[in-house]
Amino acid sequence: MKNVTLLISEIEKIIELLVSVGETNWVGSFNNFRQKLDSTNAENLETLRSEILRVYGGMGSFSDLVLYEQGQPMIKENQKLDELRTELFRILNDR
């Protein structure tokens, strides 16, 4: 992972979006990742990278998240979430 600053920025954008729509299940995980990035040294960065990547796998993963309001999918917000997820994945795999 070449740019920790980009990673932090992308995680902060995800947190901002999740908070803005009232999504509480994933915001805690991303706040935790953000805090760990502040205290992680270069040796632990790969471990944290792997930890973040794990949210993309399995049933009920971050990849499966769809934002709803009153039973209706939030089109604009879901498009933004998809862009942010894709960019985060790209950053995590940019070595």
N, C-alpha and C. Protein backbone atom coordinates (compact mmCIF):
# COMPACT_ATOMS: atom_id res chain seq x y z
N MET A 1 0.85 -1.16 0.00
CA MET A 1 0.00 0.00 0.00
C MET A 1 0.90 1.23 0.00
N LYS A 2 0.74 2.03 -1.02
CA LYS A 2 1.67 3.13 -1.23
C LYS A 2 1.29 4.40 -0.47
N ASN A 3 0.02 4.66 -0.29
CA ASN A 3 -0.36 5.96 0.23
C ASN A 3 -1.36 5.85 1.38
N VAL A 4 -0.84 5.95 2.58
CA VAL A 4 -1.67 5.86 3.77
C VAL A 4 -2.60 7.07 3.86
N THR A 5 -2.14 8.22 3.38
CA THR A 5 -2.96 9.43 3.40
C THR A 5 -4.24 9.23 2.58
N LEU A 6 -4.11 8.61 1.41
CA LEU A 6 -5.28 8.32 0.59
C LEU A 6 -6.21 7.34 1.29
N LEU A 7 -5.64 6.36 1.95
CA LEU A 7 -6.43 5.37 2.68
C LEU A 7 -7.24 6.05 3.79
N ILE A 8 -6.58 6.90 4.55
CA ILE A 8 -7.27 7.62 5.62
C ILE A 8 -8.39 8.47 5.05
N SER A 9 -8.11 9.18 3.99
CA SER A 9 -9.12 10.04 3.36
C SER A 9 -10.33 9.24 2.90
N GLU A 10 -10.09 8.10 2.29
CA GLU A 10 -11.20 7.28 1.78
C GLU A 10 -12.03 6.72 2.93
N ILE A 11 -11.38 6.28 3.98
CA ILE A 11 -12.10 5.77 5.15
C ILE A 11 -12.94 6.89 5.77
N GLU A 12 -12.39 8.09 5.85
CA GLU A 12 -13.14 9.22 6.40
C GLU A 12 -14.37 9.54 5.54
N LYS A 13 -14.24 9.43 4.23
CA LYS A 13 -15.39 9.65 3.34
C LYS A 13 -16.47 8.60 3.57
N ILE A 14 -16.05 7.36 3.77
CA ILE A 14 -17.01 6.29 4.04
C ILE A 14 -17.72 6.55 5.36
N ILE A 15 -16.97 6.91 6.38
CA ILE A 15 -17.56 7.22 7.69
C ILE A 15 -18.58 8.35 7.55
N GLU A 16 -18.19 9.40 6.84
CA GLU A 16 -19.08 10.55 6.66
C GLU A 16 -20.39 10.14 5.99
N LEU A 17 -20.31 9.33 4.95
CA LEU A 17 -21.52 8.87 4.26
C LEU A 17 -22.38 8.01 5.18
N LEU A 18 -21.76 7.07 5.86
CA LEU A 18 -22.52 6.17 6.73
C LEU A 18 -23.22 6.95 7.85
N VAL A 19 -22.53 7.90 8.43
CA VAL A 19 -23.13 8.73 9.49
C VAL A 19 -24.28 9.55 8.92
N SER A 20 -24.09 10.11 7.73
CA SER A 20 -25.12 10.99 7.14
C SER A 20 -26.44 10.27 6.86
N VAL A 21 -26.38 8.96 6.65
CA VAL A 21 -27.61 8.20 6.38
C VAL A 21 -28.07 7.39 7.59
N GLY A 22 -27.36 7.51 8.71
CA GLY A 22 -27.76 6.82 9.92
C GLY A 22 -27.42 5.34 9.95
N GLU A 23 -26.45 4.91 9.16
CA GLU A 23 -26.04 3.50 9.12
C GLU A 23 -25.11 3.25 10.31
N THR A 24 -25.55 2.44 11.24
CA THR A 24 -24.79 2.26 12.48
C THR A 24 -23.98 0.97 12.53
N ASN A 25 -24.32 -0.01 11.72
CA ASN A 25 -23.62 -1.30 11.81
C ASN A 25 -22.17 -1.22 11.36
N TRP A 26 -21.89 -0.49 10.30
CA TRP A 26 -20.54 -0.45 9.74
C TRP A 26 -19.73 0.75 10.19
N VAL A 27 -20.36 1.79 10.66
CA VAL A 27 -19.61 3.00 11.01
C VAL A 27 -18.61 2.72 12.13
N GLY A 28 -18.97 1.87 13.07
CA GLY A 28 -18.05 1.53 14.16
C GLY A 28 -16.79 0.85 13.67
N SER A 29 -16.96 -0.06 12.72
CA SER A 29 -15.79 -0.76 12.15
C SER A 29 -14.85 0.22 11.47
N PHE A 30 -15.43 1.14 10.70
CA PHE A 30 -14.58 2.08 9.97
C PHE A 30 -13.96 3.13 10.89
N ASN A 31 -14.66 3.51 11.95
CA ASN A 31 -14.05 4.39 12.95
C ASN A 31 -12.87 3.68 13.61
N ASN A 32 -13.02 2.39 13.88
CA ASN A 32 -11.95 1.60 14.46
C ASN A 32 -10.74 1.53 13.53
N PHE A 33 -10.99 1.28 12.23
CA PHE A 33 -9.89 1.26 11.26
C PHE A 33 -9.18 2.61 11.24
N ARG A 34 -9.96 3.68 11.28
CA ARG A 34 -9.38 5.03 11.24
C ARG A 34 -8.48 5.27 12.45
N GLN A 35 -8.95 4.88 13.62
CA GLN A 35 -8.15 5.05 14.84
C GLN A 35 -6.88 4.21 14.79
N LYS A 36 -6.99 2.99 14.29
CA LYS A 36 -5.81 2.13 14.18
C LYS A 36 -4.78 2.71 13.22
N LEU A 37 -5.23 3.36 12.15
CA LEU A 37 -4.29 3.96 11.21
C LEU A 37 -3.46 5.05 11.87
N ASP A 38 -4.05 5.76 12.82
CA ASP A 38 -3.31 6.81 13.53
C ASP A 38 -2.19 6.24 14.39
N SER A 39 -2.37 5.02 14.87
CA SER A 39 -1.39 4.46 15.80
C SER A 39 -0.58 3.31 15.20
N THR A 40 -0.76 3.03 13.91
CA THR A 40 -0.08 1.90 13.28
C THR A 40 1.26 2.33 12.71
N ASN A 41 2.27 1.51 12.97
CA ASN A 41 3.57 1.76 12.35
C ASN A 41 3.66 0.95 11.06
N ALA A 42 4.73 1.15 10.33
CA ALA A 42 4.89 0.50 9.02
C ALA A 42 4.84 -1.02 9.13
N GLU A 43 5.35 -1.57 10.22
CA GLU A 43 5.37 -3.02 10.39
C GLU A 43 3.95 -3.60 10.53
N ASN A 44 3.06 -2.85 11.15
CA ASN A 44 1.70 -3.34 11.39
C ASN A 44 0.72 -2.95 10.29
N LEU A 45 1.16 -2.16 9.34
CA LEU A 45 0.28 -1.67 8.29
C LEU A 45 -0.28 -2.81 7.44
N GLU A 46 0.53 -3.81 7.16
CA GLU A 46 0.07 -4.94 6.34
C GLU A 46 -1.02 -5.73 7.07
N THR A 47 -0.87 -5.88 8.37
CA THR A 47 -1.89 -6.57 9.16
C THR A 47 -3.20 -5.80 9.13
N LEU A 48 -3.12 -4.49 9.29
CA LEU A 48 -4.32 -3.65 9.25
C LEU A 48 -4.94 -3.67 7.86
N ARG A 49 -4.12 -3.65 6.83
CA ARG A 49 -4.61 -3.74 5.45
C ARG A 49 -5.43 -5.01 5.27
N SER A 50 -4.91 -6.13 5.74
CA SER A 50 -5.63 -7.41 5.65
C SER A 50 -6.94 -7.38 6.43
N GLU A 51 -6.91 -6.74 7.58
CA GLU A 51 -8.11 -6.63 8.41
C GLU A 51 -9.20 -5.83 7.67
N ILE A 52 -8.81 -4.74 7.04
CA ILE A 52 -9.79 -3.94 6.30
C ILE A 52 -10.32 -4.72 5.10
N LEU A 53 -9.45 -5.41 4.40
CA LEU A 53 -9.88 -6.19 3.23
C LEU A 53 -10.90 -7.26 3.58
N ARG A 54 -10.84 -7.77 4.81
CA ARG A 54 -11.77 -8.82 5.23
C ARG A 54 -13.23 -8.36 5.22
N VAL A 55 -13.48 -7.05 5.30
CA VAL A 55 -14.87 -6.58 5.30
C VAL A 55 -15.53 -6.79 3.94
N TYR A 56 -14.73 -7.10 2.92
CA TYR A 56 -15.26 -7.30 1.58
C TYR A 56 -15.72 -8.73 1.32
N GLY A 57 -15.44 -9.66 2.22
CA GLY A 57 -15.72 -11.06 1.94
C GLY A 57 -16.85 -11.65 2.76
N GLY A 58 -17.53 -12.62 2.19
CA GLY A 58 -18.56 -13.37 2.91
C GLY A 58 -19.94 -12.73 2.86
N MET A 59 -20.90 -13.51 3.31
CA MET A 59 -22.28 -13.02 3.34
C MET A 59 -22.43 -11.94 4.41
N GLY A 60 -23.19 -10.92 4.10
CA GLY A 60 -23.38 -9.84 5.05
C GLY A 60 -22.19 -8.92 5.16
N SER A 61 -21.33 -8.95 4.16
CA SER A 61 -20.11 -8.14 4.18
C SER A 61 -20.41 -6.70 3.79
N PHE A 62 -19.41 -5.87 3.91
CA PHE A 62 -19.53 -4.47 3.51
C PHE A 62 -19.91 -4.36 2.04
N SER A 63 -19.48 -5.31 1.24
CA SER A 63 -19.83 -5.32 -0.18
C SER A 63 -21.33 -5.50 -0.39
N ASP A 64 -22.00 -6.13 0.55
CA ASP A 64 -23.44 -6.40 0.44
C ASP A 64 -24.31 -5.25 0.94
N LEU A 65 -23.70 -4.27 1.58
CA LEU A 65 -24.47 -3.19 2.19
C LEU A 65 -25.24 -2.39 1.15
N VAL A 66 -26.55 -2.26 1.38
CA VAL A 66 -27.41 -1.39 0.58
C VAL A 66 -28.09 -0.45 1.57
N LEU A 67 -28.03 0.83 1.28
CA LEU A 67 -28.61 1.84 2.15
C LEU A 67 -30.08 2.04 1.79
N TYR A 68 -30.94 2.05 2.82
CA TYR A 68 -32.38 2.22 2.63
C TYR A 68 -32.89 3.36 3.49
N GLU A 69 -33.96 3.97 3.02
CA GLU A 69 -34.70 4.94 3.82
C GLU A 69 -36.18 4.63 3.66
N GLN A 70 -36.84 4.33 4.75
CA GLN A 70 -38.26 3.97 4.75
C GLN A 70 -38.56 2.86 3.74
N GLY A 71 -37.70 1.86 3.72
CA GLY A 71 -37.91 0.69 2.87
C GLY A 71 -37.55 0.86 1.41
N GLN A 72 -37.04 2.02 1.05
CA GLN A 72 -36.67 2.29 -0.34
C GLN A 72 -35.16 2.47 -0.45
N PRO A 73 -34.53 1.86 -1.44
CA PRO A 73 -33.08 2.05 -1.61
C PRO A 73 -32.77 3.52 -1.91
N MET A 74 -31.70 3.99 -1.31
CA MET A 74 -31.25 5.37 -1.50
C MET A 74 -30.32 5.39 -2.72
N ILE A 75 -30.85 5.71 -3.87
CA ILE A 75 -30.12 5.58 -5.14
C ILE A 75 -28.82 6.37 -5.14
N LYS A 76 -28.89 7.65 -4.89
CA LYS A 76 -27.70 8.51 -4.94
C LYS A 76 -26.65 8.07 -3.92
N GLU A 77 -27.11 7.80 -2.71
CA GLU A 77 -26.20 7.40 -1.64
C GLU A 77 -25.58 6.03 -1.91
N ASN A 78 -26.35 5.11 -2.48
CA ASN A 78 -25.80 3.80 -2.82
C ASN A 78 -24.79 3.88 -3.95
N GLN A 79 -25.01 4.78 -4.90
CA GLN A 79 -24.02 4.98 -5.96
C GLN A 79 -22.72 5.52 -5.37
N LYS A 80 -22.84 6.48 -4.45
CA LYS A 80 -21.65 7.04 -3.80
C LYS A 80 -20.95 5.97 -2.97
N LEU A 81 -21.71 5.17 -2.25
CA LEU A 81 -21.12 4.09 -1.45
C LEU A 81 -20.36 3.12 -2.33
N ASP A 82 -20.93 2.77 -3.47
CA ASP A 82 -20.26 1.86 -4.39
C ASP A 82 -18.95 2.45 -4.89
N GLU A 83 -18.95 3.74 -5.21
CA GLU A 83 -17.72 4.41 -5.64
C GLU A 83 -16.66 4.38 -4.54
N LEU A 84 -17.08 4.67 -3.31
CA LEU A 84 -16.15 4.68 -2.18
C LEU A 84 -15.61 3.28 -1.89
N ARG A 85 -16.47 2.27 -1.93
CA ARG A 85 -16.01 0.89 -1.71
C ARG A 85 -14.98 0.48 -2.75
N THR A 86 -15.27 0.81 -4.02
CA THR A 86 -14.37 0.46 -5.11
C THR A 86 -13.03 1.15 -4.95
N GLU A 87 -13.05 2.43 -4.62
CA GLU A 87 -11.80 3.17 -4.46
C GLU A 87 -11.01 2.67 -3.25
N LEU A 88 -11.68 2.37 -2.16
CA LEU A 88 -10.99 1.82 -0.99
C LEU A 88 -10.31 0.51 -1.34
N PHE A 89 -11.01 -0.36 -2.04
CA PHE A 89 -10.43 -1.64 -2.46
C PHE A 89 -9.21 -1.41 -3.35
N ARG A 90 -9.30 -0.46 -4.27
CA ARG A 90 -8.18 -0.15 -5.15
C ARG A 90 -6.97 0.34 -4.34
N ILE A 91 -7.20 1.23 -3.41
CA ILE A 91 -6.12 1.76 -2.57
C ILE A 91 -5.46 0.63 -1.78
N LEU A 92 -6.27 -0.24 -1.20
CA LEU A 92 -5.74 -1.35 -0.40
C LEU A 92 -4.91 -2.32 -1.22
N ASN A 93 -5.18 -2.42 -2.49
CA ASN A 93 -4.46 -3.35 -3.35
C ASN A 93 -3.37 -2.69 -4.18
N ASP A 94 -3.17 -1.41 -4.01
CA ASP A 94 -2.13 -0.68 -4.73
C ASP A 94 -0.82 -0.81 -3.95
N ARG A 95 0.02 -1.68 -4.42
CA ARG A 95 1.28 -1.92 -3.69
C ARG A 95 2.43 -1.36 -4.44
